[in-house]
């Protein structure tokens, strides 16, 4: 459903990949012609190497297709944060023509760094410290090879705070959407944020209704078939 919607609206579509070696997820993403892959948990250069091995195996007969794909690497805990400092040691494949996107997942970083046991906290309460940590980490990133993305607690107030940190942000992730802020005037960013978050709320409602309708249909069909089979037996 979301893939069809993205085609109609001419949005790039990103598939979430379960792990560094999730060939099945990558194959499914290939089948729907996803424009990007998001790897949720990447904690070492070994994981990075496994990502490209899996991609190359899935696209073995059409490796040139990967040249136009975007790859999100999610930085979500202390281990993956340390990985950022090691990325310059990795030889990325020559077929990649797009920059890899390093996404700092602020909510999960806070949860990991402060050893929080649940999600009942506000990013804003830790924002000053986590933004400073991300800024220090971003200094290790070669901007000629990588884009920088941020997610987690993306309110307009948070964006104002982020602009004051001098973190070289290219994208912000707000729910299911990523916004290229280099293409948006700062004065219009609040409107963009509102529009995309409103759109996500509408899409979630539509998907929820669709799931409920299908569930209701399956339950009715199950009851009907059970009664039908009992009638045959009797």
C-alpha atoms as a PDB file:
ATOM      1  CA  UNK A   1       0.000   0.000   0.000  1.00  0.00           C
ATOM      2  CA  UNK A   2       2.693   2.505   0.989  1.00  0.00           C
ATOM      3  CA  UNK A   3       4.787   1.515  -2.041  1.00  0.00           C
ATOM      4  CA  UNK A   4       1.892   2.239  -4.390  1.00  0.00           C
ATOM      5  CA  UNK A   5       1.230   5.526  -2.611  1.00  0.00           C
ATOM      6  CA  UNK A   6       4.881   6.572  -2.936  1.00  0.00           C
ATOM      7  CA  UNK A   7       4.793   5.856  -6.672  1.00  0.00           C
ATOM      8  CA  UNK A   8       1.670   7.963  -7.171  1.00  0.00           C
ATOM      9  CA  UNK A   9       3.113  10.860  -5.145  1.00  0.00           C
ATOM     10  CA  UNK A  10       6.624  10.395  -6.608  1.00  0.00           C
ATOM     11  CA  UNK A  11       8.213   9.872  -3.178  1.00  0.00           C
ATOM     12  CA  UNK A  12      11.316   7.726  -2.823  1.00  0.00           C
ATOM     13  CA  UNK A  13      10.418   4.545  -0.953  1.00  0.00           C
ATOM     14  CA  UNK A  14      12.641   3.084   1.767  1.00  0.00           C
ATOM     15  CA  UNK A  15      12.416  -0.495   3.063  1.00  0.00           C
ATOM     16  CA  UNK A  16      13.489  -1.368   6.600  1.00  0.00           C
ATOM     17  CA  UNK A  17      15.905  -4.272   6.720  1.00  0.00           C
ATOM     18  CA  UNK A  18      15.888  -6.501   9.799  1.00  0.00           C
ATOM     19  CA  UNK A  19      19.635  -7.105  10.077  1.00  0.00           C
ATOM     20  CA  UNK A  20      22.948  -6.865   8.249  1.00  0.00           C
ATOM     21  CA  UNK A  21      22.444 -10.250   6.571  1.00  0.00           C
ATOM     22  CA  UNK A  22      18.677 -10.137   6.029  1.00  0.00           C
ATOM     23  CA  UNK A  23      18.752 -11.299   2.423  1.00  0.00           C
ATOM     24  CA  UNK A  24      15.042 -12.094   2.539  1.00  0.00           C
ATOM     25  CA  UNK A  25      14.205  -8.485   3.506  1.00  0.00           C
ATOM     26  CA  UNK A  26      16.530  -7.152   0.800  1.00  0.00           C
ATOM     27  CA  UNK A  27      14.982  -9.465  -1.792  1.00  0.00           C
ATOM     28  CA  UNK A  28      11.491  -8.296  -0.850  1.00  0.00           C
ATOM     29  CA  UNK A  29      12.681  -4.682  -1.121  1.00  0.00           C
ATOM     30  CA  UNK A  30      14.119  -5.465  -4.546  1.00  0.00           C
ATOM     31  CA  UNK A  31      10.845  -7.050  -5.664  1.00  0.00           C
ATOM     32  CA  UNK A  32       8.928  -3.848  -4.950  1.00  0.00           C
ATOM     33  CA  UNK A  33      11.750  -1.735  -6.419  1.00  0.00           C
ATOM     34  CA  UNK A  34      12.520   0.143  -3.190  1.00  0.00           C
ATOM     35  CA  UNK A  35      14.645   3.263  -3.664  1.00  0.00           C
ATOM     36  CA  UNK A  36      16.449   2.919  -0.340  1.00  0.00           C
ATOM     37  CA  UNK A  37      17.303   0.466   2.419  1.00  0.00           C
ATOM     38  CA  UNK A  38      17.370   1.280   6.120  1.00  0.00           C
ATOM     39  CA  UNK A  39      19.497  -0.981   8.295  1.00  0.00           C
ATOM     40  CA  UNK A  40      18.219  -0.618  11.849  1.00  0.00           C
ATOM     41  CA  UNK A  41      21.055  -2.100  13.911  1.00  0.00           C
ATOM     42  CA  UNK A  42      24.628  -1.733  12.646  1.00  0.00           C
ATOM     43  CA  UNK A  43      27.345  -1.893  15.274  1.00  0.00           C
ATOM     44  CA  UNK A  44      30.643  -2.773  13.567  1.00  0.00           C
ATOM     45  CA  UNK A  45      32.623  -2.679  10.337  1.00  0.00           C
ATOM     46  CA  UNK A  46      31.946  -6.407  10.117  1.00  0.00           C
ATOM     47  CA  UNK A  47      28.219  -5.602   9.994  1.00  0.00           C
ATOM     48  CA  UNK A  48      28.891  -3.059   7.246  1.00  0.00           C
ATOM     49  CA  UNK A  49      30.734  -5.687   5.199  1.00  0.00           C
ATOM     50  CA  UNK A  50      27.831  -8.125   5.683  1.00  0.00           C
ATOM     51  CA  UNK A  51      25.387  -5.486   4.431  1.00  0.00           C
ATOM     52  CA  UNK A  52      27.208  -5.146   1.125  1.00  0.00           C
ATOM     53  CA  UNK A  53      27.687  -8.891   0.778  1.00  0.00           C
ATOM     54  CA  UNK A  54      23.931  -9.345   1.195  1.00  0.00           C
ATOM     55  CA  UNK A  55      23.149  -6.526  -1.258  1.00  0.00           C
ATOM     56  CA  UNK A  56      25.562  -7.892  -3.845  1.00  0.00           C
ATOM     57  CA  UNK A  57      24.133 -11.391  -3.497  1.00  0.00           C
ATOM     58  CA  UNK A  58      20.556 -10.131  -3.950  1.00  0.00           C
ATOM     59  CA  UNK A  59      21.510  -7.941  -6.931  1.00  0.00           C
ATOM     60  CA  UNK A  60      24.081 -10.313  -8.413  1.00  0.00           C
ATOM     61  CA  UNK A  61      22.508 -10.156 -11.881  1.00  0.00           C
ATOM     62  CA  UNK A  62      21.831  -6.420 -11.819  1.00  0.00           C
ATOM     63  CA  UNK A  63      24.545  -4.847  -9.686  1.00  0.00           C
ATOM     64  CA  UNK A  64      24.223  -1.566 -11.575  1.00  0.00           C
ATOM     65  CA  UNK A  65      20.809  -1.055  -9.942  1.00  0.00           C
ATOM     66  CA  UNK A  66      22.515  -0.500  -6.595  1.00  0.00           C
ATOM     67  CA  UNK A  67      24.282   2.580  -7.933  1.00  0.00           C
ATOM     68  CA  UNK A  68      21.064   4.604  -7.576  1.00  0.00           C
ATOM     69  CA  UNK A  69      19.916   3.246  -4.203  1.00  0.00           C
ATOM     70  CA  UNK A  70      20.193   5.084  -0.895  1.00  0.00           C
ATOM     71  CA  UNK A  71      21.432   3.276   2.198  1.00  0.00           C
ATOM     72  CA  UNK A  72      20.498   4.424   5.709  1.00  0.00           C
ATOM     73  CA  UNK A  73      22.710   3.237   8.553  1.00  0.00           C
ATOM     74  CA  UNK A  74      20.951   3.742  11.868  1.00  0.00           C
ATOM     75  CA  UNK A  75      23.083   4.929  14.793  1.00  0.00           C
ATOM     76  CA  UNK A  76      21.025   3.833  17.777  1.00  0.00           C
ATOM     77  CA  UNK A  77      23.313   2.742  20.636  1.00  0.00           C
ATOM     78  CA  UNK A  78      26.792   3.170  22.080  1.00  0.00           C
ATOM     79  CA  UNK A  79      28.284   0.473  19.832  1.00  0.00           C
ATOM     80  CA  UNK A  80      26.957   1.980  16.613  1.00  0.00           C
ATOM     81  CA  UNK A  81      28.050   5.430  17.803  1.00  0.00           C
ATOM     82  CA  UNK A  82      31.607   4.110  18.062  1.00  0.00           C
ATOM     83  CA  UNK A  83      31.237   2.719  14.540  1.00  0.00           C
ATOM     84  CA  UNK A  84      30.998   6.251  13.129  1.00  0.00           C
ATOM     85  CA  UNK A  85      34.626   6.839  14.108  1.00  0.00           C
ATOM     86  CA  UNK A  86      35.671   3.722  12.193  1.00  0.00           C
ATOM     87  CA  UNK A  87      33.824   4.312   8.919  1.00  0.00           C
ATOM     88  CA  UNK A  88      36.818   6.004   7.296  1.00  0.00           C
ATOM     89  CA  UNK A  89      38.644   2.665   7.556  1.00  0.00           C
ATOM     90  CA  UNK A  90      36.078   0.898   5.362  1.00  0.00           C
ATOM     91  CA  UNK A  91      36.459   0.654   1.598  1.00  0.00           C
ATOM     92  CA  UNK A  92      32.977   1.181   0.230  1.00  0.00           C
ATOM     93  CA  UNK A  93      32.133  -0.416  -3.160  1.00  0.00           C
ATOM     94  CA  UNK A  94      32.847   1.606  -6.277  1.00  0.00           C
ATOM     95  CA  UNK A  95      29.387   0.949  -7.705  1.00  0.00           C
ATOM     96  CA  UNK A  96      27.783   3.227  -5.094  1.00  0.00           C
ATOM     97  CA  UNK A  97      27.030   6.560  -6.739  1.00  0.00           C
ATOM     98  CA  UNK A  98      24.871   7.975  -3.939  1.00  0.00           C
ATOM     99  CA  UNK A  99      26.110   8.970  -0.507  1.00  0.00           C
ATOM    100  CA  UNK A 100      25.370   6.694   2.422  1.00  0.00           C
ATOM    101  CA  UNK A 101      23.043   8.318   4.966  1.00  0.00           C
ATOM    102  CA  UNK A 102      24.075   8.147   8.616  1.00  0.00           C
ATOM    103  CA  UNK A 103      20.946   8.508  10.734  1.00  0.00           C
ATOM    104  CA  UNK A 104      21.372   9.451  14.383  1.00  0.00           C
ATOM    105  CA  UNK A 105      18.364   7.945  16.157  1.00  0.00           C
ATOM    106  CA  UNK A 106      18.190  10.300  19.129  1.00  0.00           C
ATOM    107  CA  UNK A 107      15.494   8.428  21.056  1.00  0.00           C
ATOM    108  CA  UNK A 108      17.303   5.090  20.962  1.00  0.00           C
ATOM    109  CA  UNK A 109      20.664   6.729  21.615  1.00  0.00           C
ATOM    110  CA  UNK A 110      19.249   8.330  24.762  1.00  0.00           C
ATOM    111  CA  UNK A 111      17.757   5.017  25.830  1.00  0.00           C
ATOM    112  CA  UNK A 112      21.108   3.267  25.354  1.00  0.00           C
ATOM    113  CA  UNK A 113      23.388   5.916  26.847  1.00  0.00           C
ATOM    114  CA  UNK A 114      21.226   6.540  29.911  1.00  0.00           C
ATOM    115  CA  UNK A 115      20.305   2.868  30.275  1.00  0.00           C
ATOM    116  CA  UNK A 116      16.579   3.625  30.244  1.00  0.00           C
ATOM    117  CA  UNK A 117      14.342   0.572  30.496  1.00  0.00           C
ATOM    118  CA  UNK A 118      11.302   1.875  28.608  1.00  0.00           C
ATOM    119  CA  UNK A 119      10.191   4.548  26.155  1.00  0.00           C
ATOM    120  CA  UNK A 120       8.324   6.678  28.691  1.00  0.00           C
ATOM    121  CA  UNK A 121      10.572   9.710  28.336  1.00  0.00           C
ATOM    122  CA  UNK A 122      10.762  12.869  26.251  1.00  0.00           C
ATOM    123  CA  UNK A 123      13.720  13.473  23.945  1.00  0.00           C
ATOM    124  CA  UNK A 124      13.507  17.160  24.854  1.00  0.00           C
ATOM    125  CA  UNK A 125      14.589  16.364  28.435  1.00  0.00           C
ATOM    126  CA  UNK A 126      17.932  15.012  27.169  1.00  0.00           C
ATOM    127  CA  UNK A 127      18.245  17.145  24.071  1.00  0.00           C
ATOM    128  CA  UNK A 128      21.124  19.406  25.069  1.00  0.00           C
ATOM    129  CA  UNK A 129      23.437  16.527  25.926  1.00  0.00           C
ATOM    130  CA  UNK A 130      22.438  14.237  23.046  1.00  0.00           C
ATOM    131  CA  UNK A 131      22.789  17.026  20.475  1.00  0.00           C
ATOM    132  CA  UNK A 132      26.284  17.811  21.783  1.00  0.00           C
ATOM    133  CA  UNK A 133      27.218  14.140  21.523  1.00  0.00           C
ATOM    134  CA  UNK A 134      25.886  13.955  17.950  1.00  0.00           C
ATOM    135  CA  UNK A 135      27.732  17.121  16.975  1.00  0.00           C
ATOM    136  CA  UNK A 136      31.031  15.699  18.292  1.00  0.00           C
ATOM    137  CA  UNK A 137      30.390  12.456  16.414  1.00  0.00           C
ATOM    138  CA  UNK A 138      29.474  14.250  13.183  1.00  0.00           C
ATOM    139  CA  UNK A 139      32.913  15.843  13.101  1.00  0.00           C
ATOM    140  CA  UNK A 140      34.301  12.379  12.305  1.00  0.00           C
ATOM    141  CA  UNK A 141      32.130  12.011   9.193  1.00  0.00           C
ATOM    142  CA  UNK A 142      33.500  12.692   5.728  1.00  0.00           C
ATOM    143  CA  UNK A 143      30.766  14.830   4.205  1.00  0.00           C
ATOM    144  CA  UNK A 144      31.994  14.002   0.704  1.00  0.00           C
ATOM    145  CA  UNK A 145      30.914  10.388   1.270  1.00  0.00           C
ATOM    146  CA  UNK A 146      28.010  10.613   3.712  1.00  0.00           C
ATOM    147  CA  UNK A 147      24.812  12.487   4.379  1.00  0.00           C
ATOM    148  CA  UNK A 148      23.719  13.111   7.974  1.00  0.00           C
ATOM    149  CA  UNK A 149      20.172  12.461   9.133  1.00  0.00           C
ATOM    150  CA  UNK A 150      18.530  12.893  12.536  1.00  0.00           C
ATOM    151  CA  UNK A 151      15.413  11.309  13.995  1.00  0.00           C
ATOM    152  CA  UNK A 152      13.638  11.062  17.330  1.00  0.00           C
ATOM    153  CA  UNK A 153      11.473  13.719  18.973  1.00  0.00           C
ATOM    154  CA  UNK A 154      11.396  15.931  15.897  1.00  0.00           C
ATOM    155  CA  UNK A 155       9.268  18.880  16.977  1.00  0.00           C
ATOM    156  CA  UNK A 156       9.710  22.354  15.535  1.00  0.00           C
ATOM    157  CA  UNK A 157      11.295  23.472  18.807  1.00  0.00           C
ATOM    158  CA  UNK A 158      13.772  20.605  18.499  1.00  0.00           C
ATOM    159  CA  UNK A 159      14.654  21.734  14.996  1.00  0.00           C
ATOM    160  CA  UNK A 160      15.350  25.248  16.224  1.00  0.00           C
ATOM    161  CA  UNK A 161      17.651  23.810  18.889  1.00  0.00           C
ATOM    162  CA  UNK A 162      19.399  21.612  16.312  1.00  0.00           C
ATOM    163  CA  UNK A 163      20.070  24.557  14.009  1.00  0.00           C
ATOM    164  CA  UNK A 164      21.915  26.209  16.892  1.00  0.00           C
ATOM    165  CA  UNK A 165      24.238  23.201  17.312  1.00  0.00           C
ATOM    166  CA  UNK A 166      25.864  23.526  13.866  1.00  0.00           C
ATOM    167  CA  UNK A 167      25.360  19.826  13.200  1.00  0.00           C
ATOM    168  CA  UNK A 168      25.619  19.565   9.361  1.00  0.00           C
ATOM    169  CA  UNK A 169      22.152  18.033   8.894  1.00  0.00           C
ATOM    170  CA  UNK A 170      20.974  16.913   5.456  1.00  0.00           C
ATOM    171  CA  UNK A 171      17.819  14.994   6.398  1.00  0.00           C
ATOM    172  CA  UNK A 172      15.398  14.806   9.275  1.00  0.00           C
ATOM    173  CA  UNK A 173      13.258  11.731   9.809  1.00  0.00           C
ATOM    174  CA  UNK A 174       9.803  12.326  11.176  1.00  0.00           C
ATOM    175  CA  UNK A 175       7.875   9.085  11.482  1.00  0.00           C
ATOM    176  CA  UNK A 176       7.693   7.374   8.098  1.00  0.00           C
ATOM    177  CA  UNK A 177       9.004  10.390   6.165  1.00  0.00           C
ATOM    178  CA  UNK A 178      12.515  11.742   5.631  1.00  0.00           C
ATOM    179  CA  UNK A 179      12.790  15.392   4.653  1.00  0.00           C
ATOM    180  CA  UNK A 180      15.758  16.772   2.741  1.00  0.00           C
ATOM    181  CA  UNK A 181      16.116  20.036   4.619  1.00  0.00           C
ATOM    182  CA  UNK A 182      18.681  21.334   2.138  1.00  0.00           C
ATOM    183  CA  UNK A 183      15.786  21.734  -0.295  1.00  0.00           C
ATOM    184  CA  UNK A 184      13.513  23.520   2.158  1.00  0.00           C
ATOM    185  CA  UNK A 185      13.755  27.136   3.228  1.00  0.00           C
ATOM    186  CA  UNK A 186      14.146  27.425   6.968  1.00  0.00           C
ATOM    187  CA  UNK A 187      11.119  29.730   7.118  1.00  0.00           C
ATOM    188  CA  UNK A 188       9.001  26.971   5.506  1.00  0.00           C
ATOM    189  CA  UNK A 189      10.306  24.054   7.558  1.00  0.00           C
ATOM    190  CA  UNK A 190       7.589  24.289  10.203  1.00  0.00           C
ATOM    191  CA  UNK A 191       4.928  24.011   7.480  1.00  0.00           C
ATOM    192  CA  UNK A 192       6.745  21.042   5.919  1.00  0.00           C
ATOM    193  CA  UNK A 193       6.981  19.294   9.262  1.00  0.00           C
ATOM    194  CA  UNK A 194       3.279  19.854   9.951  1.00  0.00           C
ATOM    195  CA  UNK A 195       2.245  18.678   6.471  1.00  0.00           C
ATOM    196  CA  UNK A 196       4.217  15.438   6.597  1.00  0.00           C
ATOM    197  CA  UNK A 197       3.181  14.590  10.152  1.00  0.00           C
ATOM    198  CA  UNK A 198      -0.471  15.267   9.236  1.00  0.00           C
ATOM    199  CA  UNK A 199      -0.089  13.090   6.152  1.00  0.00           C
ATOM    200  CA  UNK A 200       1.383  10.273   8.239  1.00  0.00           C
ATOM    201  CA  UNK A 201      -1.566  10.460  10.655  1.00  0.00           C
ATOM    202  CA  UNK A 202      -3.984  10.107   7.707  1.00  0.00           C
ATOM    203  CA  UNK A 203      -2.054   7.169   6.229  1.00  0.00           C
ATOM    204  CA  UNK A 204      -1.931   5.377   9.582  1.00  0.00           C
ATOM    205  CA  UNK A 205      -5.704   5.788   9.917  1.00  0.00           C
ATOM    206  CA  UNK A 206      -6.256   4.386   6.417  1.00  0.00           C
ATOM    207  CA  UNK A 207      -3.939   1.420   7.053  1.00  0.00           C
ATOM    208  CA  UNK A 208      -5.541   0.748  10.429  1.00  0.00           C
ATOM    209  CA  UNK A 209      -9.020   0.730   8.859  1.00  0.00           C
ATOM    210  CA  UNK A 210      -7.806  -1.556   6.070  1.00  0.00           C
ATOM    211  CA  UNK A 211      -6.318  -4.020   8.578  1.00  0.00           C
ATOM    212  CA  UNK A 212      -9.495  -3.964  10.693  1.00  0.00           C
ATOM    213  CA  UNK A 213     -11.668  -4.563   7.635  1.00  0.00           C
ATOM    214  CA  UNK A 214      -9.527  -7.484   6.502  1.00  0.00           C
ATOM    215  CA  UNK A 215      -9.515  -8.947  10.011  1.00  0.00           C
ATOM    216  CA  UNK A 216     -13.290  -8.622  10.209  1.00  0.00           C
ATOM    217  CA  UNK A 217     -13.682 -10.269   6.795  1.00  0.00           C
ATOM    218  CA  UNK A 218     -11.393 -13.177   7.771  1.00  0.00           C
ATOM    219  CA  UNK A 219     -13.290 -13.753  11.010  1.00  0.00           C
ATOM    220  CA  UNK A 220     -16.611 -13.824   9.142  1.00  0.00           C
ATOM    221  CA  UNK A 221     -15.147 -16.125   6.505  1.00  0.00           C
ATOM    222  CA  UNK A 222     -13.736 -18.436   9.185  1.00  0.00           C
ATOM    223  CA  UNK A 223     -17.141 -18.662  10.902  1.00  0.00           C
ATOM    224  CA  UNK A 224     -18.865 -19.279   7.578  1.00  0.00           C
ATOM    225  CA  UNK A 225     -16.456 -22.060   6.567  1.00  0.00           C
ATOM    226  CA  UNK A 226     -16.663 -23.701  10.002  1.00  0.00           C
ATOM    227  CA  UNK A 227     -20.468 -23.775   9.806  1.00  0.00           C
ATOM    228  CA  UNK A 228     -20.316 -25.016   6.229  1.00  0.00           C
ATOM    229  CA  UNK A 229     -17.972 -27.906   7.112  1.00  0.00           C
ATOM    230  CA  UNK A 230     -20.064 -28.850  10.160  1.00  0.00           C
ATOM    231  CA  UNK A 231     -23.107 -28.905   7.942  1.00  0.00           C
ATOM    232  CA  UNK A 232     -21.351 -31.268   5.528  1.00  0.00           C
ATOM    233  CA  UNK A 233     -20.324 -33.592   8.343  1.00  0.00           C
ATOM    234  CA  UNK A 234     -23.864 -33.722   9.697  1.00  0.00           C
END
